Amino acid sequence: MISVIMRVSIALIRLKNIWEEVAMLVHGWDQRRHLQQMVLLGTRRELKSITNQKFNVCHFFINNFFTPLTRSPYRSNECSKKQGAYGKIKTHKESKLKQLMHLDEVWSVISLLYVNPLKSNLESDNIKKSFNPDDLAFCDDILCKVSRSFAAVIRQLPSDLLVDVLIFYLVLRALDTIEDDMTFFASNDEKVKVLLSFHKTALVDPKWTMTGCGEGDERRLLEEFPKCHSVFASLREDSRRVISDITLRMATGMAEFVDKDLGQGTVDVKQYNRYCHFVAGLVGEGLSRLFSASGLEKPSLATELYLSDQMGLFLQKTNIIRDYLEDYVDGRAFWPQTVWKKYSASGDLGYFANPATAEHVTAALNCIDELVTDALELVPDCLSYLSKLRCAEVFRFCAIPQVMAIATLDKCYHNKDVFSGVVKIRKGMSCALINGTTDISGVHGIFHRFASSILRKAELSRMKGFEDPSYDRTVKACHTILELTETEAKRSANYSSIINSTLLLSTAAVGCLTYKYPNGSNNTALTTAIASIGMFSLFKSSFIKYVGKRAAPSLMPASKLAEKKEG
């Protein structure tokens, strides 16, 4: 018994030490695909072989752990130009080595990339038969380049819906590019005219194009828009009607704000909400109508206009909160004046930028805490919307951005870094969140986790003497989320405890297998880590699939829904 305990302890120590060794291993390696297969198989014979080879473990983890999931395989090495201040503001992020210390997130990356990835349905036979392959390839390529986060989740949608949503996104992105360009048009009247006629020109004329508007890939989207029109024209009539209607209404809303001076943000919360409705709430409505038109969701979903709007507002407000400095530098900010002027001693929105004194920091934190709380109050409606979905792929498409948003709000809450750059969640955490969106139980668990985190931050700052005017409102919003998610969160936590126990056992087992090689400390530790990760990833994937079927019987893959409909 003592011997077994010693071996378990040795295995755990080796697993910890391996991550410290990762940063120091600098051997060459050119067998990446072979390593991926061996990590997944985790066989002793293969592992023993690989530890005798020279390879760069850093290269494997860093190139996968820190590569955006939405990166296009056709992307050039040069960074694409972006409009405005995007990419020109400092990004606050943890060092790569520190990110690697989050072992659960490393496993999530491996699982998402190699064990249970988001499967692309773009190569489906019915898609190939329905659309011009060259034009569709362009749309897919440009989607990856202009989208920060939606490419992967769009591709995993069912083939009956995928292209409709893809084109919907690109059409609205083209419209947004026109609205965002502050120098291309000779006057605001000219810009308004183009915006209001966009649905009658770009979506009707197969040869419509616009040259010189926007920057980088957004400019290319407008210049080669006929390829998007070709795919748009091949969509179902009801999908084209939805896209055209939302495009017109969004353009009308954008035109309303063209003449407004947004250098100091929106006037009040009402205008703030109105702007978010036009640029995001309408997207939620359009998606609900597309989901319903595809037959994958119930017809009643198309009438859930309020909940659809709230879904969009939650995402948009999160982005606006996070992008404070980018938007302020760009001269088009959206924080409501009725909120931030309560805390700005100078009466200027730039008062919070790079706060240097304790007074500045306190004011900035009070302001952002109130805005985060305002966004948190939308969560109950977002959870209500998600509970109405029945298609597993549609559920993940909707849930992934939502869990990213709640994680981002947690990152922004009471965080002064928002005022000196852009804060982002770790990519490993993003992968873990994506892995947790297979069912409503996992999503509730995520919302419960971050609502608890925000509540702890609020209570801790109060204990330290920080006076937050929105404290009571924040606590109430968090408690509401916790009450709504408590049941499912407990179920999700039980599953996690089983998974973590299995990790411990697998690590111990591999430690016992490798104990006989006392002279090869590095290789032995490396073997232990790789095998443990492989075993853990495989188990976690299988376990989540199993409990997902048991815990969320209301969610069904699109293929099952089609069979049920035919039956």
Protein backbone atom coordinates (compact mmCIF):
# COMPACT_ATOMS: atom_id res chain seq x y z
CA MET A 1 0.00 0.00 0.00
CA ILE A 2 2.83 2.38 0.91
CA SER A 3 4.50 1.55 -2.39
CA VAL A 4 1.37 2.45 -4.34
CA ILE A 5 1.01 5.75 -2.48
CA MET A 6 4.63 6.58 -3.22
CA ARG A 7 4.13 5.86 -6.91
CA VAL A 8 1.01 8.02 -7.02
CA SER A 9 2.93 10.86 -5.37
CA ILE A 10 5.79 10.47 -7.83
CA ALA A 11 3.36 10.56 -10.74
CA LEU A 12 1.75 13.76 -9.49
CA ILE A 13 5.12 15.40 -8.96
CA ARG A 14 6.17 14.39 -12.46
CA LEU A 15 2.98 15.82 -13.93
CA LYS A 16 3.66 19.12 -12.18
CA ASN A 17 7.32 19.20 -13.17
CA ILE A 18 6.65 18.52 -16.82
CA TRP A 19 5.03 21.93 -17.30
CA GLU A 20 8.13 23.57 -15.88
CA GLU A 21 10.26 21.51 -18.26
CA VAL A 22 8.14 22.46 -21.28
CA ALA A 23 9.56 25.97 -21.31
CA MET A 24 13.12 24.62 -21.35
CA LEU A 25 12.91 21.85 -23.92
CA VAL A 26 14.35 23.20 -27.15
CA HIS A 27 14.87 20.09 -29.23
CA GLY A 28 13.87 20.06 -32.89
CA TRP A 29 10.72 18.26 -34.02
CA ASP A 30 9.11 17.81 -37.41
CA GLN A 31 6.61 15.03 -36.67
CA ARG A 32 3.66 17.03 -35.39
CA ARG A 33 0.93 14.84 -36.89
CA HIS A 34 2.51 11.68 -35.53
CA LEU A 35 2.68 13.23 -32.06
CA GLN A 36 -0.99 14.20 -32.22
CA GLN A 37 -1.93 10.61 -32.95
CA MET A 38 0.23 9.29 -30.12
CA VAL A 39 -1.20 11.78 -27.62
CA LEU A 40 -4.65 10.52 -28.44
CA LEU A 41 -3.73 6.86 -28.39
CA GLY A 42 -1.59 7.16 -25.29
CA THR A 43 -0.08 3.72 -25.83
CA ARG A 44 3.00 2.77 -23.88
CA ARG A 45 4.85 1.47 -26.92
CA GLU A 46 4.40 4.69 -28.91
CA LEU A 47 5.17 6.88 -25.93
CA LYS A 48 8.39 5.05 -25.19
CA SER A 49 9.39 5.53 -28.82
CA ILE A 50 8.64 9.22 -28.89
CA THR A 51 10.58 10.00 -25.74
CA ASN A 52 13.70 8.79 -27.52
CA GLN A 53 13.17 11.27 -30.36
CA LYS A 54 14.13 14.93 -30.45
CA PHE A 55 11.19 17.22 -30.74
CA ASN A 56 10.05 20.59 -29.54
CA VAL A 57 7.24 20.20 -27.03
CA CYS A 58 6.98 23.96 -26.75
CA HIS A 59 6.28 24.11 -30.48
CA PHE A 60 3.41 21.64 -30.17
CA PHE A 61 1.64 23.23 -27.22
CA ILE A 62 2.26 26.86 -28.06
CA ASN A 63 1.26 26.55 -31.72
CA ASN A 64 -2.00 24.88 -30.74
CA PHE A 65 -2.70 26.45 -27.36
CA PHE A 66 -2.34 30.01 -28.58
CA THR A 67 -3.72 29.68 -32.13
CA PRO A 68 -7.19 31.23 -32.56
CA LEU A 69 -9.80 28.61 -33.34
CA THR A 70 -11.17 30.73 -36.14
CA ARG A 71 -7.90 31.13 -38.02
CA SER A 72 -8.30 30.51 -41.72
CA PRO A 73 -6.01 27.98 -43.40
CA TYR A 74 -5.64 30.50 -46.19
CA ARG A 75 -4.62 33.41 -43.97
CA SER A 76 -1.37 35.07 -44.91
CA ASN A 77 1.39 35.60 -42.38
CA GLU A 78 0.86 39.32 -42.48
CA CYS A 79 -1.66 40.78 -40.07
CA SER A 80 -4.78 42.00 -41.81
CA LYS A 81 -5.58 45.66 -41.51
CA LYS A 82 -8.57 46.50 -39.36
CA GLN A 83 -10.74 49.59 -39.27
CA GLY A 84 -10.41 52.14 -36.50
CA ALA A 85 -8.31 51.49 -33.42
CA TYR A 86 -8.75 47.72 -33.50
CA GLY A 87 -5.38 46.04 -32.97
CA LYS A 88 -3.69 49.34 -32.11
CA ILE A 89 -4.45 49.27 -28.39
CA LYS A 90 -2.46 47.24 -25.88
CA THR A 91 -3.94 43.83 -25.09
CA HIS A 92 -3.68 42.61 -21.51
CA LYS A 93 -3.02 38.90 -21.51
CA GLU A 94 -1.16 36.39 -19.41
CA SER A 95 2.21 35.02 -20.48
CA LYS A 96 2.21 31.81 -22.46
CA LEU A 97 3.98 29.93 -19.68
CA LYS A 98 1.42 31.12 -17.13
CA GLN A 99 -1.40 30.02 -19.42
CA LEU A 100 0.20 26.60 -19.71
CA MET A 101 0.02 26.30 -15.94
CA HIS A 102 -3.77 25.96 -16.23
CA LEU A 103 -3.65 22.22 -16.87
CA ASP A 104 -7.40 21.80 -17.22
CA GLU A 105 -7.37 24.36 -20.02
CA VAL A 106 -4.47 22.63 -21.76
CA TRP A 107 -6.52 19.43 -21.75
CA SER A 108 -9.49 21.39 -23.08
CA VAL A 109 -7.39 22.67 -25.99
CA ILE A 110 -6.24 19.16 -26.88
CA SER A 111 -9.75 17.80 -26.57
CA LEU A 112 -11.27 20.54 -28.74
CA LEU A 113 -8.58 20.39 -31.40
CA TYR A 114 -8.03 16.64 -31.68
CA VAL A 115 -10.55 14.61 -29.66
CA ASN A 116 -13.92 16.30 -30.01
CA PRO A 117 -13.51 19.29 -32.36
CA LEU A 118 -16.25 21.51 -33.74
CA LYS A 119 -16.98 19.62 -36.93
CA SER A 120 -17.39 21.68 -40.09
CA ASN A 121 -20.41 20.78 -42.20
CA LEU A 122 -19.39 23.00 -45.08
CA GLU A 123 -18.35 20.00 -47.20
CA SER A 124 -21.79 18.40 -47.04
CA ASP A 125 -23.12 17.06 -50.33
CA ASN A 126 -26.27 19.19 -50.37
CA ILE A 127 -24.17 22.35 -49.89
CA LYS A 128 -21.82 21.39 -52.72
CA LYS A 129 -24.79 20.79 -55.03
CA SER A 130 -26.62 23.99 -54.13
CA PHE A 131 -23.94 26.68 -54.40
CA ASN A 132 -21.15 27.78 -56.71
CA PRO A 133 -18.06 26.15 -55.14
CA ASP A 134 -15.67 29.01 -55.94
CA ASP A 135 -18.01 31.68 -54.59
CA LEU A 136 -18.74 29.63 -51.49
CA ALA A 137 -15.01 29.09 -50.91
CA PHE A 138 -14.51 32.85 -51.04
CA CYS A 139 -17.30 33.39 -48.51
CA ASP A 140 -15.79 30.84 -46.15
CA ASP A 141 -12.32 32.33 -46.53
CA ILE A 142 -13.43 35.92 -46.00
CA LEU A 143 -15.58 34.86 -43.04
CA CYS A 144 -12.48 33.56 -41.26
CA LYS A 145 -10.68 36.82 -41.90
CA VAL A 146 -13.34 39.34 -40.88
CA SER A 147 -14.80 37.39 -37.98
CA ARG A 148 -13.12 37.41 -34.60
CA SER A 149 -15.12 34.60 -33.15
CA PHE A 150 -18.00 33.30 -35.23
CA ALA A 151 -16.35 31.29 -38.01
CA ALA A 152 -15.98 28.02 -36.11
CA VAL A 153 -19.45 28.13 -34.56
CA ILE A 154 -21.06 28.94 -37.91
CA ARG A 155 -19.32 26.03 -39.64
CA GLN A 156 -20.65 23.49 -37.12
CA LEU A 157 -24.26 24.41 -37.92
CA PRO A 158 -26.33 21.82 -39.85
CA SER A 159 -25.98 21.97 -43.62
CA ASP A 160 -29.61 23.13 -43.96
CA LEU A 161 -28.78 26.29 -42.04
CA LEU A 162 -25.03 26.85 -42.26
CA VAL A 163 -24.81 28.85 -45.50
CA ASP A 164 -27.86 30.95 -44.61
CA VAL A 165 -26.22 32.11 -41.38
CA LEU A 166 -22.82 32.51 -43.06
CA ILE A 167 -24.24 34.85 -45.70
CA PHE A 168 -26.37 36.65 -43.11
CA TYR A 169 -23.19 37.42 -41.17
CA LEU A 170 -21.24 38.58 -44.24
CA VAL A 171 -24.04 40.83 -45.48
CA LEU A 172 -24.28 42.55 -42.11
CA ARG A 173 -20.50 42.76 -41.86
CA ALA A 174 -20.41 44.53 -45.24
CA LEU A 175 -23.07 46.94 -44.01
CA ASP A 176 -21.12 47.52 -40.80
CA THR A 177 -17.96 48.25 -42.79
CA ILE A 178 -19.76 51.03 -44.65
CA GLU A 179 -21.06 52.49 -41.40
CA ASP A 180 -17.68 52.30 -39.66
CA ASP A 181 -15.65 54.07 -42.38
CA MET A 182 -15.34 57.67 -41.21
CA THR A 183 -13.35 59.03 -44.18
CA PHE A 184 -14.61 57.36 -47.37
CA PHE A 185 -17.81 59.33 -47.89
CA ALA A 186 -17.82 63.01 -48.80
CA SER A 187 -20.69 63.68 -46.38
CA ASN A 188 -22.90 61.92 -43.87
CA ASP A 189 -25.85 62.36 -46.22
CA GLU A 190 -24.03 60.29 -48.83
CA LYS A 191 -23.29 57.56 -46.29
CA VAL A 192 -26.93 57.50 -45.14
CA LYS A 193 -28.07 57.18 -48.74
CA VAL A 194 -25.79 54.17 -49.31
CA LEU A 195 -26.87 52.53 -46.05
CA LEU A 196 -30.59 52.90 -46.72
CA SER A 197 -30.30 51.56 -50.26
CA PHE A 198 -27.96 48.67 -49.44
CA HIS A 199 -30.75 46.05 -49.38
CA LYS A 200 -31.91 47.21 -52.82
CA THR A 201 -28.46 47.44 -54.40
CA ALA A 202 -26.07 44.91 -52.87
CA LEU A 203 -28.76 42.26 -52.38
CA VAL A 204 -30.46 42.79 -55.75
CA ASP A 205 -27.77 43.74 -58.26
CA PRO A 206 -25.46 40.74 -58.84
CA LYS A 207 -22.70 43.08 -60.03
CA TRP A 208 -22.87 45.58 -57.16
CA THR A 209 -19.52 46.40 -55.60
CA MET A 210 -17.84 49.18 -53.64
CA THR A 211 -14.18 50.06 -54.02
CA GLY A 212 -12.04 51.85 -51.46
CA CYS A 213 -14.37 51.63 -48.47
CA GLY A 214 -13.03 50.06 -45.28
CA GLU A 215 -9.62 48.51 -44.76
CA GLY A 216 -7.98 45.13 -45.20
CA ASP A 217 -10.30 42.16 -45.47
CA GLU A 218 -13.42 44.27 -44.90
CA ARG A 219 -12.52 46.31 -47.98
CA ARG A 220 -11.98 43.10 -49.95
CA LEU A 221 -15.42 41.86 -48.85
CA LEU A 222 -17.05 44.93 -50.40
CA GLU A 223 -14.90 44.85 -53.52
CA GLU A 224 -15.71 41.19 -54.20
CA PHE A 225 -19.26 41.27 -52.94
CA PRO A 226 -20.71 39.78 -56.17
CA LYS A 227 -19.40 36.42 -54.95
CA CYS A 228 -21.45 36.79 -51.77
CA HIS A 229 -24.46 37.81 -53.84
CA SER A 230 -24.08 34.66 -55.93
CA VAL A 231 -24.43 32.50 -52.82
CA PHE A 232 -27.17 34.75 -51.39
CA ALA A 233 -29.21 34.37 -54.58
CA SER A 234 -29.08 30.57 -54.23
CA LEU A 235 -30.56 30.55 -50.72
CA ARG A 236 -34.16 29.62 -50.01
CA GLU A 237 -36.62 32.42 -50.61
CA ASP A 238 -37.66 32.65 -46.96
CA SER A 239 -34.01 33.00 -45.90
CA ARG A 240 -33.39 35.74 -48.45
CA ARG A 241 -36.47 37.55 -47.20
CA VAL A 242 -35.30 37.45 -43.59
CA ILE A 243 -31.79 38.66 -44.49
CA SER A 244 -33.11 41.50 -46.64
CA ASP A 245 -35.58 42.63 -43.96
CA ILE A 246 -33.03 42.67 -41.15
CA THR A 247 -30.49 44.42 -43.40
CA LEU A 248 -32.95 47.24 -44.13
CA ARG A 249 -33.92 47.68 -40.49
CA MET A 250 -30.32 47.61 -39.30
CA ALA A 251 -29.29 50.12 -41.97
CA THR A 252 -32.14 52.38 -40.86
CA GLY A 253 -30.89 52.22 -37.30
CA MET A 254 -27.31 52.87 -38.34
CA ALA A 255 -28.44 55.88 -40.38
CA GLU A 256 -30.10 57.28 -37.27
CA PHE A 257 -26.74 57.34 -35.49
CA VAL A 258 -24.57 58.61 -38.37
CA ASP A 259 -25.14 62.29 -37.53
CA LYS A 260 -24.83 61.81 -33.78
CA ASP A 261 -21.62 62.88 -32.08
CA LEU A 262 -20.52 59.71 -30.26
CA GLY A 263 -17.14 61.01 -29.18
CA GLN A 264 -18.48 61.11 -25.62
CA GLY A 265 -20.70 58.05 -25.86
CA THR A 266 -24.46 57.70 -26.09
CA VAL A 267 -26.66 60.25 -24.32
CA ASP A 268 -28.37 57.89 -21.90
CA VAL A 269 -29.17 54.24 -21.22
CA LYS A 270 -32.22 54.41 -23.46
CA GLN A 271 -30.09 55.47 -26.45
CA TYR A 272 -27.43 52.95 -25.44
CA ASN A 273 -30.03 50.18 -25.55
CA ARG A 274 -31.44 51.48 -28.82
CA TYR A 275 -28.03 51.39 -30.50
CA CYS A 276 -27.41 47.85 -29.22
CA HIS A 277 -30.83 46.82 -30.53
CA PHE A 278 -30.05 48.01 -34.05
CA VAL A 279 -26.60 46.47 -34.33
CA ALA A 280 -27.12 43.27 -32.30
CA GLY A 281 -30.71 42.78 -31.17
CA LEU A 282 -31.90 42.67 -34.78
CA VAL A 283 -29.25 40.02 -35.48
CA GLY A 284 -30.80 37.90 -32.73
CA GLU A 285 -34.24 38.32 -34.28
CA GLY A 286 -32.94 37.43 -37.75
CA LEU A 287 -31.21 34.31 -36.47
CA SER A 288 -34.35 33.15 -34.65
CA ARG A 289 -36.33 33.54 -37.87
CA LEU A 290 -33.69 31.63 -39.84
CA PHE A 291 -33.64 28.85 -37.23
CA SER A 292 -37.41 28.56 -37.46
CA ALA A 293 -37.51 28.73 -41.26
CA SER A 294 -35.02 25.87 -41.51
CA GLY A 295 -37.40 23.59 -39.61
CA LEU A 296 -34.72 22.81 -37.02
CA GLU A 297 -36.48 24.91 -34.40
CA LYS A 298 -40.15 25.36 -33.64
CA PRO A 299 -42.09 28.01 -35.61
CA SER A 300 -42.82 29.80 -32.32
CA LEU A 301 -39.15 30.70 -31.94
CA ALA A 302 -39.53 33.26 -34.75
CA THR A 303 -41.99 35.16 -32.55
CA GLU A 304 -39.66 35.36 -29.53
CA LEU A 305 -38.64 38.89 -30.50
CA TYR A 306 -37.95 40.17 -26.99
CA LEU A 307 -35.76 37.25 -25.92
CA SER A 308 -33.92 37.32 -29.25
CA ASP A 309 -33.24 41.02 -28.75
CA GLN A 310 -31.92 40.44 -25.22
CA MET A 311 -29.52 37.76 -26.49
CA GLY A 312 -28.02 40.28 -28.90
CA LEU A 313 -27.90 43.08 -26.32
CA PHE A 314 -25.99 40.89 -23.88
CA LEU A 315 -23.24 40.22 -26.44
CA GLN A 316 -23.08 43.80 -27.69
CA LYS A 317 -22.94 45.37 -24.26
CA THR A 318 -20.15 43.01 -23.28
CA ASN A 319 -18.12 44.08 -26.32
CA ILE A 320 -18.79 47.77 -25.64
CA ILE A 321 -17.69 47.44 -22.01
CA ARG A 322 -14.49 45.59 -22.97
CA ASP A 323 -13.63 47.92 -25.88
CA TYR A 324 -13.81 51.18 -23.93
CA LEU A 325 -10.34 52.42 -24.88
CA GLU A 326 -10.48 51.28 -28.51
CA ASP A 327 -13.82 53.03 -29.04
CA TYR A 328 -12.72 56.20 -27.24
CA VAL A 329 -9.53 56.45 -29.30
CA ASP A 330 -11.58 55.80 -32.43
CA GLY A 331 -13.88 58.72 -31.63
CA ARG A 332 -17.05 56.58 -31.54
CA ALA A 333 -17.82 55.50 -27.99
CA PHE A 334 -21.03 54.03 -26.64
CA TRP A 335 -20.88 54.16 -22.83
CA PRO A 336 -24.01 56.10 -21.74
CA GLN A 337 -23.30 59.58 -20.40
CA THR A 338 -25.92 59.24 -17.67
CA VAL A 339 -23.72 56.49 -16.21
CA TRP A 340 -20.13 57.58 -16.71
CA LYS A 341 -20.69 61.29 -15.94
CA LYS A 342 -21.59 60.30 -12.38
CA TYR A 343 -17.98 59.25 -11.90
CA SER A 344 -15.95 61.52 -14.22
CA ALA A 345 -14.56 64.51 -12.31
CA SER A 346 -13.65 66.27 -15.57
CA GLY A 347 -16.94 65.57 -17.33
CA ASP A 348 -15.03 63.86 -20.14
CA LEU A 349 -15.15 60.18 -21.07
CA GLY A 350 -11.36 60.16 -21.40
CA TYR A 351 -11.06 60.84 -17.67
CA PHE A 352 -10.91 57.08 -17.06
CA ALA A 353 -8.20 56.32 -19.63
CA ASN A 354 -4.96 55.14 -18.00
CA PRO A 355 -5.99 56.18 -14.47
CA ALA A 356 -2.92 57.27 -12.52
CA THR A 357 -4.24 58.34 -9.12
CA ALA A 358 -6.32 56.48 -6.54
CA GLU A 359 -9.19 58.88 -7.21
CA HIS A 360 -9.10 58.06 -10.93
CA VAL A 361 -8.98 54.33 -10.28
CA THR A 362 -11.90 54.43 -7.86
CA ALA A 363 -14.04 56.40 -10.31
CA ALA A 364 -13.15 54.10 -13.19
CA LEU A 365 -13.96 50.95 -11.22
CA ASN A 366 -17.28 52.38 -10.02
CA CYS A 367 -18.21 53.15 -13.60
CA ILE A 368 -17.32 49.78 -15.10
CA ASP A 369 -18.93 47.89 -12.21
CA GLU A 370 -22.24 49.61 -12.92
CA LEU A 371 -22.04 48.85 -16.65
CA VAL A 372 -21.17 45.20 -16.02
CA THR A 373 -24.13 44.97 -13.64
CA ASP A 374 -26.41 46.45 -16.31
CA ALA A 375 -25.32 43.67 -18.69
CA LEU A 376 -25.71 40.95 -16.04
CA GLU A 377 -29.38 41.84 -15.67
CA LEU A 378 -29.93 40.49 -19.20
CA VAL A 379 -28.77 36.97 -18.30
CA PRO A 380 -32.14 35.55 -17.14
CA ASP A 381 -33.68 36.30 -20.54
CA CYS A 382 -30.68 34.79 -22.33
CA LEU A 383 -31.01 31.56 -20.33
CA SER A 384 -34.74 31.53 -21.06
CA TYR A 385 -34.04 31.75 -24.79
CA LEU A 386 -31.50 28.92 -24.68
CA SER A 387 -33.99 26.69 -22.87
CA LYS A 388 -36.37 26.95 -25.83
CA LEU A 389 -33.93 25.45 -28.35
CA ARG A 390 -34.12 21.80 -29.41
CA CYS A 391 -31.39 21.38 -32.07
CA ALA A 392 -28.02 20.56 -30.52
CA GLU A 393 -26.00 22.41 -33.18
CA VAL A 394 -28.19 25.51 -32.98
CA PHE A 395 -27.92 25.39 -29.18
CA ARG A 396 -24.12 25.39 -29.32
CA PHE A 397 -24.11 28.17 -31.92
CA CYS A 398 -26.15 30.33 -29.53
CA ALA A 399 -24.56 29.18 -26.28
CA ILE A 400 -20.88 29.59 -27.15
CA PRO A 401 -20.96 33.39 -27.60
CA GLN A 402 -23.09 33.71 -24.46
CA VAL A 403 -20.65 31.83 -22.20
CA MET A 404 -17.77 33.80 -23.72
CA ALA A 405 -19.64 36.98 -22.82
CA ILE A 406 -20.24 36.06 -19.17
CA ALA A 407 -16.56 35.07 -18.85
CA THR A 408 -15.53 38.41 -20.37
CA LEU A 409 -17.78 40.33 -17.98
CA ASP A 410 -16.15 38.51 -15.08
CA LYS A 411 -12.76 39.53 -16.49
CA CYS A 412 -13.84 43.16 -16.83
CA TYR A 413 -15.60 43.54 -13.49
CA HIS A 414 -13.62 45.71 -11.08
CA ASN A 415 -10.61 45.51 -13.42
CA LYS A 416 -8.67 48.72 -14.05
CA ASP A 417 -6.84 47.10 -16.99
CA VAL A 418 -9.93 47.85 -19.10
CA PHE A 419 -8.89 51.50 -19.04
CA SER A 420 -5.35 50.96 -20.30
CA GLY A 421 -5.96 48.32 -22.97
CA VAL A 422 -8.16 45.43 -23.99
CA VAL A 423 -8.68 42.53 -21.60
CA LYS A 424 -9.35 39.10 -23.02
CA ILE A 425 -9.97 35.68 -21.55
CA ARG A 426 -7.35 32.99 -22.06
CA LYS A 427 -7.66 30.92 -25.23
CA GLY A 428 -7.44 27.81 -23.09
CA MET A 429 -10.40 29.06 -21.10
CA SER A 430 -12.25 29.70 -24.37
CA CYS A 431 -11.71 26.07 -25.34
CA ALA A 432 -12.93 24.89 -21.95
CA LEU A 433 -16.04 27.03 -22.30
CA ILE A 434 -16.75 25.67 -25.78
CA ASN A 435 -16.40 22.13 -24.45
CA GLY A 436 -18.96 22.97 -21.78
CA THR A 437 -21.73 24.01 -24.16
CA THR A 438 -22.94 20.57 -25.19
CA ASP A 439 -26.06 20.85 -23.04
CA ILE A 440 -28.03 23.22 -20.84
CA SER A 441 -26.49 21.72 -17.70
CA GLY A 442 -22.99 22.70 -18.80
CA VAL A 443 -24.08 26.20 -19.82
CA HIS A 444 -25.84 26.76 -16.49
CA GLY A 445 -22.71 25.54 -14.74
CA ILE A 446 -20.62 28.13 -16.58
CA PHE A 447 -23.00 30.99 -15.79
CA HIS A 448 -23.14 29.87 -12.16
CA ARG A 449 -19.34 29.80 -11.98
CA PHE A 450 -18.81 33.33 -13.29
CA ALA A 451 -21.75 34.85 -11.44
CA SER A 452 -20.22 33.41 -8.26
CA SER A 453 -16.86 34.90 -9.23
CA ILE A 454 -18.31 38.38 -9.78
CA LEU A 455 -20.21 38.13 -6.50
CA ARG A 456 -17.02 37.21 -4.64
CA LYS A 457 -15.18 40.15 -6.20
CA ALA A 458 -17.95 42.53 -5.19
CA GLU A 459 -18.03 41.23 -1.62
CA LEU A 460 -14.24 41.23 -1.33
CA SER A 461 -13.95 44.83 -2.52
CA ARG A 462 -16.65 45.83 -0.01
CA MET A 463 -14.74 44.08 2.79
CA LYS A 464 -11.63 46.06 1.81
CA GLY A 465 -13.53 49.32 2.20
CA PHE A 466 -14.32 50.01 -1.46
CA GLU A 467 -17.61 51.90 -1.74
CA ASP A 468 -19.42 50.80 -4.89
CA PRO A 469 -22.72 52.65 -5.52
CA SER A 470 -24.00 49.72 -7.63
CA TYR A 471 -23.04 47.04 -5.09
CA ASP A 472 -26.59 46.10 -4.05
CA ARG A 473 -27.69 45.95 -7.67
CA THR A 474 -24.70 43.76 -8.55
CA VAL A 475 -25.40 41.35 -5.69
CA LYS A 476 -29.05 41.10 -6.70
CA ALA A 477 -28.18 40.37 -10.35
CA CYS A 478 -25.67 37.68 -9.34
CA HIS A 479 -28.06 36.04 -6.88
CA THR A 480 -30.74 35.92 -9.57
CA ILE A 481 -28.36 34.09 -11.92
CA LEU A 482 -27.24 31.73 -9.16
CA GLU A 483 -30.83 30.82 -8.31
CA LEU A 484 -31.69 30.13 -11.95
CA THR A 485 -28.64 27.94 -12.53
CA GLU A 486 -28.17 26.22 -9.17
CA THR A 487 -29.86 22.90 -10.01
CA GLU A 488 -28.10 22.30 -13.31
CA ALA A 489 -24.82 23.68 -11.95
CA LYS A 490 -24.81 21.07 -9.17
CA ARG A 491 -25.33 18.33 -11.72
CA SER A 492 -22.48 19.70 -13.84
CA ALA A 493 -20.24 19.92 -10.76
CA ASN A 494 -20.90 16.26 -9.95
CA TYR A 495 -19.78 15.27 -13.44
CA SER A 496 -16.63 17.39 -13.08
CA SER A 497 -15.71 15.71 -9.80
CA ILE A 498 -15.94 12.29 -11.48
CA ILE A 499 -13.75 13.50 -14.34
CA ASN A 500 -11.14 14.94 -11.98
CA SER A 501 -11.05 11.71 -10.00
CA THR A 502 -10.42 9.80 -13.20
CA LEU A 503 -7.56 12.19 -14.03
CA LEU A 504 -5.93 11.40 -10.71
CA LEU A 505 -6.29 7.66 -11.27
CA SER A 506 -4.96 7.83 -14.85
CA THR A 507 -1.98 9.88 -13.70
CA ALA A 508 -1.27 7.38 -10.94
CA ALA A 509 -1.57 4.46 -13.36
CA VAL A 510 0.87 5.98 -15.81
CA GLY A 511 3.19 6.83 -12.95
CA CYS A 512 3.27 3.17 -11.98
CA LEU A 513 4.05 2.18 -15.57
CA THR A 514 6.92 4.64 -15.87
CA TYR A 515 8.39 4.09 -12.42
CA LYS A 516 10.76 1.40 -13.71
CA TYR A 517 12.75 4.00 -15.70
CA PRO A 518 14.50 5.94 -12.90
CA ASN A 519 17.40 7.06 -15.09
CA GLY A 520 15.33 8.93 -17.66
CA SER A 521 13.78 11.68 -15.57
CA ASN A 522 12.89 14.00 -18.42
CA ASN A 523 11.62 11.27 -20.70
CA THR A 524 9.73 9.60 -17.88
CA ALA A 525 8.06 12.82 -16.79
CA LEU A 526 7.24 13.63 -20.39
CA THR A 527 5.77 10.18 -20.91
CA THR A 528 3.65 10.57 -17.79
CA ALA A 529 2.29 13.94 -18.90
CA ILE A 530 1.51 13.00 -22.49
CA ALA A 531 -0.16 9.72 -21.56
CA SER A 532 -2.16 11.39 -18.78
CA ILE A 533 -3.37 14.11 -21.12
CA GLY A 534 -4.31 11.56 -23.76
CA MET A 535 -6.17 9.31 -21.33
CA PHE A 536 -7.91 12.26 -19.68
CA SER A 537 -9.00 13.85 -22.96
CA LEU A 538 -10.40 10.62 -24.32
CA PHE A 539 -12.27 9.85 -21.12
CA LYS A 540 -13.64 13.36 -20.76
CA SER A 541 -14.90 13.41 -24.35
CA SER A 542 -16.65 10.06 -23.98
CA PHE A 543 -18.06 10.93 -20.57
CA ILE A 544 -19.45 14.28 -21.66
CA LYS A 545 -21.12 12.68 -24.67
CA TYR A 546 -22.70 10.06 -22.40
CA VAL A 547 -24.00 12.39 -19.70
CA GLY A 548 -25.03 14.93 -22.31
CA LYS A 549 -27.49 12.44 -23.76
CA ARG A 550 -28.84 11.61 -20.31
CA ALA A 551 -28.98 15.14 -18.92
CA ALA A 552 -30.37 16.99 -21.93
CA PRO A 553 -32.82 14.75 -23.79
CA SER A 554 -34.53 17.85 -25.21
CA LEU A 555 -31.48 18.58 -27.40
CA MET A 556 -31.20 16.49 -30.54
CA PRO A 557 -28.72 16.57 -33.43
CA ALA A 558 -30.11 17.95 -36.68
CA SER A 559 -29.93 14.50 -38.27
CA LYS A 560 -32.18 13.04 -35.54
CA LEU A 561 -34.63 15.91 -35.90
CA ALA A 562 -34.81 15.27 -39.65
CA GLU A 563 -35.50 11.57 -39.07
CA LYS A 564 -38.17 12.42 -36.50
CA LYS A 565 -39.79 14.85 -38.92
CA GLU A 566 -39.83 12.30 -41.73
CA GLY A 567 -41.17 9.61 -39.40
